[in-house]
Amino acid sequence: MARTVARVRSIDQRLRGEIEKGLRTRTACAPEECRQRGRRRDARPARRHPAVRDVLATDIEAAYDGDPAAQSFEEIVLAYPGLQATAVHRLAHVLWRPTFRWCAS
């Protein structure tokens, strides 16, 4: 489970970095200003992360129930590329709003 937590944290950090880079490119703000604005904007989709996590939990359960060879939920999270594709799609859907559209595409 520790690997899963580390992976989620890594995704959050990369998302924050992408938001900051996008702000720098699109608004030409100073690095520190972009970092602060990125953190504020990052909080908005983060409020929706629990809903995405809940849906992904049902995706994991469905994969586990559908594969008799699966040993654990963690195995599915770490080893099933279809789940990763689904997770990326679900997060992109949350980000597909005018404020974050550039980040999701």
PDB file of N, CA and C in Angstrom:
ATOM      1  N   MET A   1       0.815  -1.190   0.000  1.00  0.00           N
ATOM      2  CA  MET A   1       0.000   0.000   0.000  1.00  0.00           C
ATOM      3  C   MET A   1       0.862   1.258   0.000  1.00  0.00           C
ATOM      4  N   ALA A   2       2.052   1.172   0.572  1.00  0.00           N
ATOM      5  CA  ALA A   2       2.937   2.334   0.611  1.00  0.00           C
ATOM      6  C   ALA A   2       3.325   2.784  -0.797  1.00  0.00           C
ATOM      7  N   ARG A   3       3.480   1.819  -1.710  1.00  0.00           N
ATOM      8  CA  ARG A   3       3.817   2.172  -3.091  1.00  0.00           C
ATOM      9  C   ARG A   3       2.683   2.944  -3.745  1.00  0.00           C
ATOM     10  N   THR A   4       1.451   2.569  -3.454  1.00  0.00           N
ATOM     11  CA  THR A   4       0.297   3.257  -4.018  1.00  0.00           C
ATOM     12  C   THR A   4       0.233   4.692  -3.508  1.00  0.00           C
ATOM     13  N   VAL A   5       0.433   4.882  -2.218  1.00  0.00           N
ATOM     14  CA  VAL A   5       0.435   6.223  -1.634  1.00  0.00           C
ATOM     15  C   VAL A   5       1.536   7.068  -2.269  1.00  0.00           C
ATOM     16  N   ALA A   6       2.713   6.486  -2.435  1.00  0.00           N
ATOM     17  CA  ALA A   6       3.819   7.215  -3.060  1.00  0.00           C
ATOM     18  C   ALA A   6       3.481   7.593  -4.500  1.00  0.00           C
ATOM     19  N   ARG A   7       2.822   6.706  -5.203  1.00  0.00           N
ATOM     20  CA  ARG A   7       2.444   6.988  -6.598  1.00  0.00           C
ATOM     21  C   ARG A   7       1.430   8.129  -6.666  1.00  0.00           C
ATOM     22  N   VAL A   8       0.447   8.121  -5.786  1.00  0.00           N
ATOM     23  CA  VAL A   8      -0.554   9.195  -5.766  1.00  0.00           C
ATOM     24  C   VAL A   8       0.097  10.529  -5.431  1.00  0.00           C
ATOM     25  N   ARG A   9       1.005  10.538  -4.471  1.00  0.00           N
ATOM     26  CA  ARG A   9       1.712  11.780  -4.136  1.00  0.00           C
ATOM     27  C   ARG A   9       2.536  12.275  -5.316  1.00  0.00           C
ATOM     28  N   SER A  10       3.174  11.357  -6.010  1.00  0.00           N
ATOM     29  CA  SER A  10       3.967  11.719  -7.179  1.00  0.00           C
ATOM     30  C   SER A  10       3.086  12.353  -8.257  1.00  0.00           C
ATOM     31  N   ILE A  11       1.919  11.781  -8.472  1.00  0.00           N
ATOM     32  CA  ILE A  11       0.990  12.337  -9.464  1.00  0.00           C
ATOM     33  C   ILE A  11       0.557  13.733  -9.046  1.00  0.00           C
ATOM     34  N   ASP A  12       0.237  13.931  -7.772  1.00  0.00           N
ATOM     35  CA  ASP A  12      -0.156  15.254  -7.285  1.00  0.00           C
ATOM     36  C   ASP A  12       0.960  16.274  -7.486  1.00  0.00           C
ATOM     37  N   GLN A  13       2.200  15.895  -7.191  1.00  0.00           N
ATOM     38  CA  GLN A  13       3.324  16.818  -7.365  1.00  0.00           C
ATOM     39  C   GLN A  13       3.529  17.159  -8.832  1.00  0.00           C
ATOM     40  N   ARG A  14       3.425  16.156  -9.709  1.00  0.00           N
ATOM     41  CA  ARG A  14       3.592  16.420 -11.139  1.00  0.00           C
ATOM     42  C   ARG A  14       2.471  17.306 -11.669  1.00  0.00           C
ATOM     43  N   LEU A  15       1.250  17.072 -11.205  1.00  0.00           N
ATOM     44  CA  LEU A  15       0.125  17.903 -11.625  1.00  0.00           C
ATOM     45  C   LEU A  15       0.347  19.354 -11.215  1.00  0.00           C
ATOM     46  N   ARG A  16       0.797  19.550  -9.991  1.00  0.00           N
ATOM     47  CA  ARG A  16       1.085  20.904  -9.508  1.00  0.00           C
ATOM     48  C   ARG A  16       2.162  21.558 -10.380  1.00  0.00           C
ATOM     49  N   GLY A  17       3.195  20.806 -10.718  1.00  0.00           N
ATOM     50  CA  GLY A  17       4.258  21.335 -11.576  1.00  0.00           C
ATOM     51  C   GLY A  17       3.749  21.692 -12.957  1.00  0.00           C
ATOM     52  N   GLU A  18       2.866  20.861 -13.518  1.00  0.00           N
ATOM     53  CA  GLU A  18       2.306  21.154 -14.844  1.00  0.00           C
ATOM     54  C   GLU A  18       1.440  22.405 -14.813  1.00  0.00           C
ATOM     55  N   ILE A  19       0.694  22.591 -13.746  1.00  0.00           N
ATOM     56  CA  ILE A  19      -0.128  23.794 -13.610  1.00  0.00           C
ATOM     57  C   ILE A  19       0.769  25.026 -13.560  1.00  0.00           C
ATOM     58  N   GLU A  20       1.847  24.949 -12.780  1.00  0.00           N
ATOM     59  CA  GLU A  20       2.776  26.083 -12.688  1.00  0.00           C
ATOM     60  C   GLU A  20       3.425  26.379 -14.041  1.00  0.00           C
ATOM     61  N   LYS A  21       3.866  25.338 -14.757  1.00  0.00           N
ATOM     62  CA  LYS A  21       4.474  25.549 -16.080  1.00  0.00           C
ATOM     63  C   LYS A  21       3.484  26.172 -17.042  1.00  0.00           C
ATOM     64  N   GLY A  22       2.260  25.698 -17.006  1.00  0.00           N
ATOM     65  CA  GLY A  22       1.240  26.255 -17.887  1.00  0.00           C
ATOM     66  C   GLY A  22       0.969  27.713 -17.585  1.00  0.00           C
ATOM     67  N   LEU A  23       0.942  28.063 -16.306  1.00  0.00           N
ATOM     68  CA  LEU A  23       0.738  29.462 -15.933  1.00  0.00           C
ATOM     69  C   LEU A  23       1.892  30.326 -16.430  1.00  0.00           C
ATOM     70  N   ARG A  24       3.120  29.828 -16.283  1.00  0.00           N
ATOM     71  CA  ARG A  24       4.276  30.589 -16.760  1.00  0.00           C
ATOM     72  C   ARG A  24       4.195  30.813 -18.265  1.00  0.00           C
ATOM     73  N   THR A  25       3.797  29.802 -18.987  1.00  0.00           N
ATOM     74  CA  THR A  25       3.722  29.890 -20.445  1.00  0.00           C
ATOM     75  C   THR A  25       2.597  30.807 -20.886  1.00  0.00           C
ATOM     76  N   ARG A  26       1.448  30.695 -20.257  1.00  0.00           N
ATOM     77  CA  ARG A  26       0.270  31.427 -20.708  1.00  0.00           C
ATOM     78  C   ARG A  26       0.150  32.835 -20.129  1.00  0.00           C
ATOM     79  N   THR A  27       0.729  33.075 -18.967  1.00  0.00           N
ATOM     80  CA  THR A  27       0.561  34.392 -18.341  1.00  0.00           C
ATOM     81  C   THR A  27       1.859  35.158 -18.191  1.00  0.00           C
ATOM     82  N   ALA A  28       2.982  34.524 -18.409  1.00  0.00           N
ATOM     83  CA  ALA A  28       4.303  35.153 -18.258  1.00  0.00           C
ATOM     84  C   ALA A  28       4.493  35.750 -16.870  1.00  0.00           C
ATOM     85  N   CYS A  29       4.000  35.074 -15.853  1.00  0.00           N
ATOM     86  CA  CYS A  29       4.192  35.557 -14.487  1.00  0.00           C
ATOM     87  C   CYS A  29       5.579  35.137 -13.988  1.00  0.00           C
ATOM     88  N   ALA A  30       6.020  35.789 -12.931  1.00  0.00           N
ATOM     89  CA  ALA A  30       7.307  35.447 -12.313  1.00  0.00           C
ATOM     90  C   ALA A  30       7.204  34.055 -11.682  1.00  0.00           C
ATOM     91  N   PRO A  31       8.327  33.323 -11.594  1.00  0.00           N
ATOM     92  CA  PRO A  31       8.274  31.945 -11.070  1.00  0.00           C
ATOM     93  C   PRO A  31       7.575  31.807  -9.721  1.00  0.00           C
ATOM     94  N   GLU A  32       7.888  32.678  -8.766  1.00  0.00           N
ATOM     95  CA  GLU A  32       7.257  32.560  -7.442  1.00  0.00           C
ATOM     96  C   GLU A  32       5.768  32.874  -7.511  1.00  0.00           C
ATOM     97  N   GLU A  33       5.408  33.862  -8.297  1.00  0.00           N
ATOM     98  CA  GLU A  33       3.990  34.199  -8.457  1.00  0.00           C
ATOM     99  C   GLU A  33       3.238  33.027  -9.103  1.00  0.00           C
ATOM    100  N   CYS A  34       3.832  32.420 -10.121  1.00  0.00           N
ATOM    101  CA  CYS A  34       3.213  31.262 -10.774  1.00  0.00           C
ATOM    102  C   CYS A  34       3.055  30.104  -9.802  1.00  0.00           C
ATOM    103  N   ARG A  35       4.056  29.906  -8.952  1.00  0.00           N
ATOM    104  CA  ARG A  35       3.987  28.828  -7.962  1.00  0.00           C
ATOM    105  C   ARG A  35       2.807  29.066  -7.018  1.00  0.00           C
ATOM    106  N   GLN A  36       2.661  30.294  -6.535  1.00  0.00           N
ATOM    107  CA  GLN A  36       1.556  30.610  -5.618  1.00  0.00           C
ATOM    108  C   GLN A  36       0.202  30.483  -6.318  1.00  0.00           C
ATOM    109  N   ARG A  37       0.108  31.013  -7.544  1.00  0.00           N
ATOM    110  CA  ARG A  37      -1.138  30.905  -8.292  1.00  0.00           C
ATOM    111  C   ARG A  37      -1.454  29.453  -8.613  1.00  0.00           C
ATOM    112  N   GLY A  38      -0.417  28.681  -8.902  1.00  0.00           N
ATOM    113  CA  GLY A  38      -0.611  27.263  -9.181  1.00  0.00           C
ATOM    114  C   GLY A  38      -1.145  26.513  -7.978  1.00  0.00           C
ATOM    115  N   ARG A  39      -0.659  26.842  -6.803  1.00  0.00           N
ATOM    116  CA  ARG A  39      -1.153  26.189  -5.581  1.00  0.00           C
ATOM    117  C   ARG A  39      -2.619  26.532  -5.334  1.00  0.00           C
ATOM    118  N   ARG A  40      -2.982  27.799  -5.573  1.00  0.00           N
ATOM    119  CA  ARG A  40      -4.391  28.183  -5.401  1.00  0.00           C
ATOM    120  C   ARG A  40      -5.275  27.443  -6.395  1.00  0.00           C
ATOM    121  N   ARG A  41      -4.844  27.391  -7.650  1.00  0.00           N
ATOM    122  CA  ARG A  41      -5.634  26.703  -8.671  1.00  0.00           C
ATOM    123  C   ARG A  41      -5.632  25.204  -8.447  1.00  0.00           C
ATOM    124  N   ASP A  42      -4.541  24.689  -7.925  1.00  0.00           N
ATOM    125  CA  ASP A  42      -4.439  23.255  -7.675  1.00  0.00           C
ATOM    126  C   ASP A  42      -5.484  22.810  -6.664  1.00  0.00           C
ATOM    127  N   ALA A  43      -5.861  23.687  -5.740  1.00  0.00           N
ATOM    128  CA  ALA A  43      -6.825  23.318  -4.705  1.00  0.00           C
ATOM    129  C   ALA A  43      -8.214  23.067  -5.290  1.00  0.00           C
ATOM    130  N   ARG A  44      -8.542  23.721  -6.379  1.00  0.00           N
ATOM    131  CA  ARG A  44      -9.888  23.561  -6.944  1.00  0.00           C
ATOM    132  C   ARG A  44     -10.150  22.137  -7.431  1.00  0.00           C
ATOM    133  N   PRO A  45      -9.321  21.576  -8.331  1.00  0.00           N
ATOM    134  CA  PRO A  45      -9.626  20.199  -8.728  1.00  0.00           C
ATOM    135  C   PRO A  45      -9.386  19.203  -7.602  1.00  0.00           C
ATOM    136  N   ALA A  46      -8.539  19.563  -6.637  1.00  0.00           N
ATOM    137  CA  ALA A  46      -8.276  18.634  -5.524  1.00  0.00           C
ATOM    138  C   ALA A  46      -9.550  18.361  -4.735  1.00  0.00           C
ATOM    139  N   ARG A  47     -10.465  19.327  -4.707  1.00  0.00           N
ATOM    140  CA  ARG A  47     -11.732  19.095  -4.009  1.00  0.00           C
ATOM    141  C   ARG A  47     -12.514  17.967  -4.667  1.00  0.00           C
ATOM    142  N   ARG A  48     -12.278  17.750  -5.950  1.00  0.00           N
ATOM    143  CA  ARG A  48     -13.004  16.700  -6.650  1.00  0.00           C
ATOM    144  C   ARG A  48     -12.266  15.364  -6.596  1.00  0.00           C
ATOM    145  N   HIS A  49     -11.044  15.348  -6.120  1.00  0.00           N
ATOM    146  CA  HIS A  49     -10.273  14.097  -6.062  1.00  0.00           C
ATOM    147  C   HIS A  49     -10.989  13.002  -5.272  1.00  0.00           C
ATOM    148  N   PRO A  50     -11.648  13.315  -4.129  1.00  0.00           N
ATOM    149  CA  PRO A  50     -12.326  12.228  -3.415  1.00  0.00           C
ATOM    150  C   PRO A  50     -13.365  11.523  -4.278  1.00  0.00           C
ATOM    151  N   ALA A  51     -14.097  12.264  -5.103  1.00  0.00           N
ATOM    152  CA  ALA A  51     -15.091  11.633  -5.980  1.00  0.00           C
ATOM    153  C   ALA A  51     -14.398  10.745  -7.006  1.00  0.00           C
ATOM    154  N   VAL A  52     -13.279  11.211  -7.539  1.00  0.00           N
ATOM    155  CA  VAL A  52     -12.524  10.412  -8.506  1.00  0.00           C
ATOM    156  C   VAL A  52     -11.986   9.167  -7.818  1.00  0.00           C
ATOM    157  N   ARG A  53     -11.466   9.316  -6.608  1.00  0.00           N
ATOM    158  CA  ARG A  53     -10.959   8.154  -5.865  1.00  0.00           C
ATOM    159  C   ARG A  53     -12.061   7.129  -5.622  1.00  0.00           C
ATOM    160  N   ASP A  54     -13.268   7.606  -5.278  1.00  0.00           N
ATOM    161  CA  ASP A  54     -14.375   6.682  -5.037  1.00  0.00           C
ATOM    162  C   ASP A  54     -14.711   5.888  -6.291  1.00  0.00           C
ATOM    163  N   VAL A  55     -14.745   6.567  -7.435  1.00  0.00           N
ATOM    164  CA  VAL A  55     -15.047   5.872  -8.690  1.00  0.00           C
ATOM    165  C   VAL A  55     -13.921   4.904  -9.042  1.00  0.00           C
ATOM    166  N   LEU A  56     -12.672   5.333  -8.838  1.00  0.00           N
ATOM    167  CA  LEU A  56     -11.543   4.443  -9.116  1.00  0.00           C
ATOM    168  C   LEU A  56     -11.557   3.223  -8.190  1.00  0.00           C
ATOM    169  N   ALA A  57     -12.010   3.418  -6.970  1.00  0.00           N
ATOM    170  CA  ALA A  57     -12.115   2.271  -6.050  1.00  0.00           C
ATOM    171  C   ALA A  57     -13.081   1.238  -6.607  1.00  0.00           C
ATOM    172  N   THR A  58     -14.173   1.690  -7.199  1.00  0.00           N
ATOM    173  CA  THR A  58     -15.105   0.729  -7.797  1.00  0.00           C
ATOM    174  C   THR A  58     -14.484   0.088  -9.042  1.00  0.00           C
ATOM    175  N   ASP A  59     -13.668   0.849  -9.785  1.00  0.00           N
ATOM    176  CA  ASP A  59     -12.958   0.269 -10.936  1.00  0.00           C
ATOM    177  C   ASP A  59     -12.000  -0.830 -10.481  1.00  0.00           C
ATOM    178  N   ILE A  60     -11.294  -0.576  -9.386  1.00  0.00           N
ATOM    179  CA  ILE A  60     -10.347  -1.560  -8.850  1.00  0.00           C
ATOM    180  C   ILE A  60     -11.091  -2.809  -8.390  1.00  0.00           C
ATOM    181  N   GLU A  61     -12.192  -2.612  -7.683  1.00  0.00           N
ATOM    182  CA  GLU A  61     -12.984  -3.755  -7.233  1.00  0.00           C
ATOM    183  C   GLU A  61     -13.497  -4.571  -8.414  1.00  0.00           C
ATOM    184  N   ALA A  62     -13.958  -3.877  -9.466  1.00  0.00           N
ATOM    185  CA  ALA A  62     -14.467  -4.592 -10.648  1.00  0.00           C
ATOM    186  C   ALA A  62     -13.358  -5.401 -11.308  1.00  0.00           C
ATOM    187  N   ALA A  63     -12.163  -4.818 -11.409  1.00  0.00           N
ATOM    188  CA  ALA A  63     -11.038  -5.557 -12.001  1.00  0.00           C
ATOM    189  C   ALA A  63     -10.673  -6.763 -11.135  1.00  0.00           C
ATOM    190  N   TYR A  64     -10.682  -6.574  -9.831  1.00  0.00           N
ATOM    191  CA  TYR A  64     -10.361  -7.669  -8.911  1.00  0.00           C
ATOM    192  C   TYR A  64     -11.396  -8.789  -9.012  1.00  0.00           C
ATOM    193  N   ASP A  65     -12.669  -8.396  -9.012  1.00  0.00           N
ATOM    194  CA  ASP A  65     -13.739  -9.392  -9.098  1.00  0.00           C
ATOM    195  C   ASP A  65     -13.737 -10.114 -10.446  1.00  0.00           C
ATOM    196  N   GLY A  66     -13.312  -9.416 -11.496  1.00  0.00           N
ATOM    197  CA  GLY A  66     -13.336  -9.996 -12.829  1.00  0.00           C
ATOM    198  C   GLY A  66     -12.118 -10.825 -13.196  1.00  0.00           C
ATOM    199  N   ASP A  67     -11.085 -10.790 -12.366  1.00  0.00           N
ATOM    200  CA  ASP A  67      -9.860 -11.534 -12.663  1.00  0.00           C
ATOM    201  C   ASP A  67      -9.576 -12.529 -11.543  1.00  0.00           C
ATOM    202  N   PRO A  68      -9.860 -13.796 -11.762  1.00  0.00           N
ATOM    203  CA  PRO A  68      -9.633 -14.775 -10.693  1.00  0.00           C
ATOM    204  C   PRO A  68      -8.162 -14.943 -10.315  1.00  0.00           C
ATOM    205  N   ALA A  69      -7.243 -14.502 -11.183  1.00  0.00           N
ATOM    206  CA  ALA A  69      -5.822 -14.632 -10.869  1.00  0.00           C
ATOM    207  C   ALA A  69      -5.294 -13.480 -10.018  1.00  0.00           C
ATOM    208  N   ALA A  70      -6.075 -12.418  -9.873  1.00  0.00           N
ATOM    209  CA  ALA A  70      -5.622 -11.253  -9.098  1.00  0.00           C
ATOM    210  C   ALA A  70      -5.465 -11.637  -7.629  1.00  0.00           C
ATOM    211  N   GLN A  71      -4.322 -11.221  -7.046  1.00  0.00           N
ATOM    212  CA  GLN A  71      -4.022 -11.555  -5.658  1.00  0.00           C
ATOM    213  C   GLN A  71      -4.449 -10.477  -4.669  1.00  0.00           C
ATOM    214  N   SER A  72      -4.442  -9.214  -5.126  1.00  0.00           N
ATOM    215  CA  SER A  72      -4.767  -8.120  -4.210  1.00  0.00           C
ATOM    216  C   SER A  72      -5.159  -6.881  -5.002  1.00  0.00           C
ATOM    217  N   PHE A  73      -5.756  -5.922  -4.301  1.00  0.00           N
ATOM    218  CA  PHE A  73      -6.088  -4.636  -4.928  1.00  0.00           C
ATOM    219  C   PHE A  73      -4.814  -3.900  -5.334  1.00  0.00           C
ATOM    220  N   GLU A  74      -3.789  -3.998  -4.493  1.00  0.00           N
ATOM    221  CA  GLU A  74      -2.536  -3.312  -4.794  1.00  0.00           C
ATOM    222  C   GLU A  74      -1.928  -3.836  -6.099  1.00  0.00           C
ATOM    223  N   GLU A  75      -2.025  -5.125  -6.337  1.00  0.00           N
ATOM    224  CA  GLU A  75      -1.536  -5.691  -7.593  1.00  0.00           C
ATOM    225  C   GLU A  75      -2.256  -5.056  -8.783  1.00  0.00           C
ATOM    226  N   ILE A  76      -3.534  -4.869  -8.658  1.00  0.00           N
ATOM    227  CA  ILE A  76      -4.303  -4.273  -9.748  1.00  0.00           C
ATOM    228  C   ILE A  76      -3.879  -2.832  -9.968  1.00  0.00           C
ATOM    229  N   VAL A  77      -3.705  -2.080  -8.892  1.00  0.00           N
ATOM    230  CA  VAL A  77      -3.294  -0.677  -9.011  1.00  0.00           C
ATOM    231  C   VAL A  77      -1.922  -0.575  -9.665  1.00  0.00           C
ATOM    232  N   LEU A  78      -1.006  -1.440  -9.298  1.00  0.00           N
ATOM    233  CA  LEU A  78       0.365  -1.335  -9.786  1.00  0.00           C
ATOM    234  C   LEU A  78       0.611  -2.018 -11.130  1.00  0.00           C
ATOM    235  N   ALA A  79      -0.182  -3.032 -11.471  1.00  0.00           N
ATOM    236  CA  ALA A  79       0.177  -3.849 -12.623  1.00  0.00           C
ATOM    237  C   ALA A  79      -0.811  -3.829 -13.791  1.00  0.00           C
ATOM    238  N   TYR A  80      -1.958  -3.219 -13.632  1.00  0.00           N
ATOM    239  CA  TYR A  80      -2.949  -3.236 -14.708  1.00  0.00           C
ATOM    240  C   TYR A  80      -2.903  -1.919 -15.476  1.00  0.00           C
ATOM    241  N   PRO A  81      -2.372  -1.921 -16.695  1.00  0.00           N
ATOM    242  CA  PRO A  81      -2.280  -0.671 -17.458  1.00  0.00           C
ATOM    243  C   PRO A  81      -3.649  -0.089 -17.822  1.00  0.00           C
ATOM    244  N   GLY A  82      -4.655  -0.931 -17.935  1.00  0.00           N
ATOM    245  CA  GLY A  82      -5.998  -0.424 -18.233  1.00  0.00           C
ATOM    246  C   GLY A  82      -6.528   0.459 -17.121  1.00  0.00           C
ATOM    247  N   LEU A  83      -6.182   0.113 -15.884  1.00  0.00           N
ATOM    248  CA  LEU A  83      -6.614   0.939 -14.749  1.00  0.00           C
ATOM    249  C   LEU A  83      -5.919   2.296 -14.791  1.00  0.00           C
ATOM    250  N   GLN A  84      -4.635   2.310 -15.145  1.00  0.00           N
ATOM    251  CA  GLN A  84      -3.920   3.577 -15.246  1.00  0.00           C
ATOM    252  C   GLN A  84      -4.555   4.457 -16.318  1.00  0.00           C
ATOM    253  N   ALA A  85      -4.906   3.869 -17.455  1.00  0.00           N
ATOM    254  CA  ALA A  85      -5.548   4.635 -18.521  1.00  0.00           C
ATOM    255  C   ALA A  85      -6.891   5.191 -18.056  1.00  0.00           C
ATOM    256  N   THR A  86      -7.635   4.386 -17.330  1.00  0.00           N
ATOM    257  CA  THR A  86      -8.926   4.833 -16.806  1.00  0.00           C
ATOM    258  C   THR A  86      -8.737   5.972 -15.814  1.00  0.00           C
ATOM    259  N   ALA A  87      -7.736   5.857 -14.942  1.00  0.00           N
ATOM    260  CA  ALA A  87      -7.476   6.897 -13.950  1.00  0.00           C
ATOM    261  C   ALA A  87      -7.099   8.218 -14.624  1.00  0.00           C
ATOM    262  N   VAL A  88      -6.254   8.145 -15.636  1.00  0.00           N
ATOM    263  CA  VAL A  88      -5.853   9.352 -16.358  1.00  0.00           C
ATOM    264  C   VAL A  88      -7.075   9.992 -17.016  1.00  0.00           C
ATOM    265  N   HIS A  89      -7.917   9.172 -17.612  1.00  0.00           N
ATOM    266  CA  HIS A  89      -9.124   9.684 -18.261  1.00  0.00           C
ATOM    267  C   HIS A  89     -10.041  10.358 -17.245  1.00  0.00           C
ATOM    268  N   ARG A  90     -10.236   9.728 -16.114  1.00  0.00           N
ATOM    269  CA  ARG A  90     -11.134  10.305 -15.099  1.00  0.00           C
ATOM    270  C   ARG A  90     -10.586  11.625 -14.554  1.00  0.00           C
ATOM    271  N   LEU A  91      -9.288  11.706 -14.330  1.00  0.00           N
ATOM    272  CA  LEU A  91      -8.697  12.950 -13.853  1.00  0.00           C
ATOM    273  C   LEU A  91      -8.770  14.028 -14.935  1.00  0.00           C
ATOM    274  N   ALA A  92      -8.519  13.665 -16.178  1.00  0.00           N
ATOM    275  CA  ALA A  92      -8.631  14.640 -17.273  1.00  0.00           C
ATOM    276  C   ALA A  92     -10.052  15.173 -17.357  1.00  0.00           C
ATOM    277  N   HIS A  93     -11.019  14.318 -17.101  1.00  0.00           N
ATOM    278  CA  HIS A  93     -12.413  14.770 -17.126  1.00  0.00           C
ATOM    279  C   HIS A  93     -12.660  15.830 -16.056  1.00  0.00           C
ATOM    280  N   VAL A  94     -12.095  15.623 -14.861  1.00  0.00           N
ATOM    281  CA  VAL A  94     -12.235  16.617 -13.787  1.00  0.00           C
ATOM    282  C   VAL A  94     -11.571  17.929 -14.193  1.00  0.00           C
ATOM    283  N   LEU A  95     -10.427  17.836 -14.869  1.00  0.00           N
ATOM    284  CA  LEU A  95      -9.679  19.033 -15.241  1.00  0.00           C
ATOM    285  C   LEU A  95     -10.227  19.725 -16.490  1.00  0.00           C
ATOM    286  N   TRP A  96     -11.102  19.064 -17.227  1.00  0.00           N
ATOM    287  CA  TRP A  96     -11.589  19.612 -18.486  1.00  0.00           C
ATOM    288  C   TRP A  96     -12.623  20.704 -18.214  1.00  0.00           C
ATOM    289  N   ARG A  97     -12.122  21.813 -17.719  1.00  0.00           N
ATOM    290  CA  ARG A  97     -12.922  23.007 -17.474  1.00  0.00           C
ATOM    291  C   ARG A  97     -12.121  24.166 -18.038  1.00  0.00           C
ATOM    292  N   PRO A  98     -12.764  25.277 -18.282  1.00  0.00           N
ATOM    293  CA  PRO A  98     -12.029  26.383 -18.894  1.00  0.00           C
ATOM    294  C   PRO A  98     -10.731  26.764 -18.163  1.00  0.00           C
ATOM    295  N   THR A  99     -10.730  26.690 -16.841  1.00  0.00           N
ATOM    296  CA  THR A  99      -9.558  27.084 -16.076  1.00  0.00           C
ATOM    297  C   THR A  99      -8.382  26.119 -16.298  1.00  0.00           C
ATOM    298  N   PHE A 100      -8.677  24.834 -16.433  1.00  0.00           N
ATOM    299  CA  PHE A 100      -7.636  23.815 -16.495  1.00  0.00           C
ATOM    300  C   PHE A 100      -7.593  23.073 -17.826  1.00  0.00           C
ATOM    301  N   ARG A 101      -8.362  23.497 -18.805  1.00  0.00           N
ATOM    302  CA  ARG A 101      -8.459  22.752 -20.062  1.00  0.00           C
ATOM    303  C   ARG A 101      -7.095  22.502 -20.694  1.00  0.00           C
ATOM    304  N   TRP A 102      -6.194  23.486 -20.637  1.00  0.00           N
ATOM    305  CA  TRP A 102      -4.861  23.342 -21.215  1.00  0.00           C
ATOM    306  C   TRP A 102      -4.073  22.245 -20.514  1.00  0.00           C
ATOM    307  N   CYS A 103      -4.358  22.009 -19.253  1.00  0.00           N
ATOM    308  CA  CYS A 103      -3.632  21.005 -18.477  1.00  0.00           C
ATOM    309  C   CYS A 103      -4.123  19.606 -18.805  1.00  0.00           C
ATOM    310  N   ALA A 104      -5.386  19.465 -19.165  1.00  0.00           N
ATOM    311  CA  ALA A 104      -5.978  18.161 -19.401  1.00  0.00           C
ATOM    312  C   ALA A 104      -5.699  17.661 -20.815  1.00  0.00           C
ATOM    313  N   SER A 105      -5.390  18.550 -21.741  1.00  0.00           N
ATOM    314  CA  SER A 105      -5.220  18.105 -23.127  1.00  0.00           C
ATOM    315  C   SER A 105      -3.806  17.667 -23.420  1.00  0.00           C
TER     316      SER A 105
END
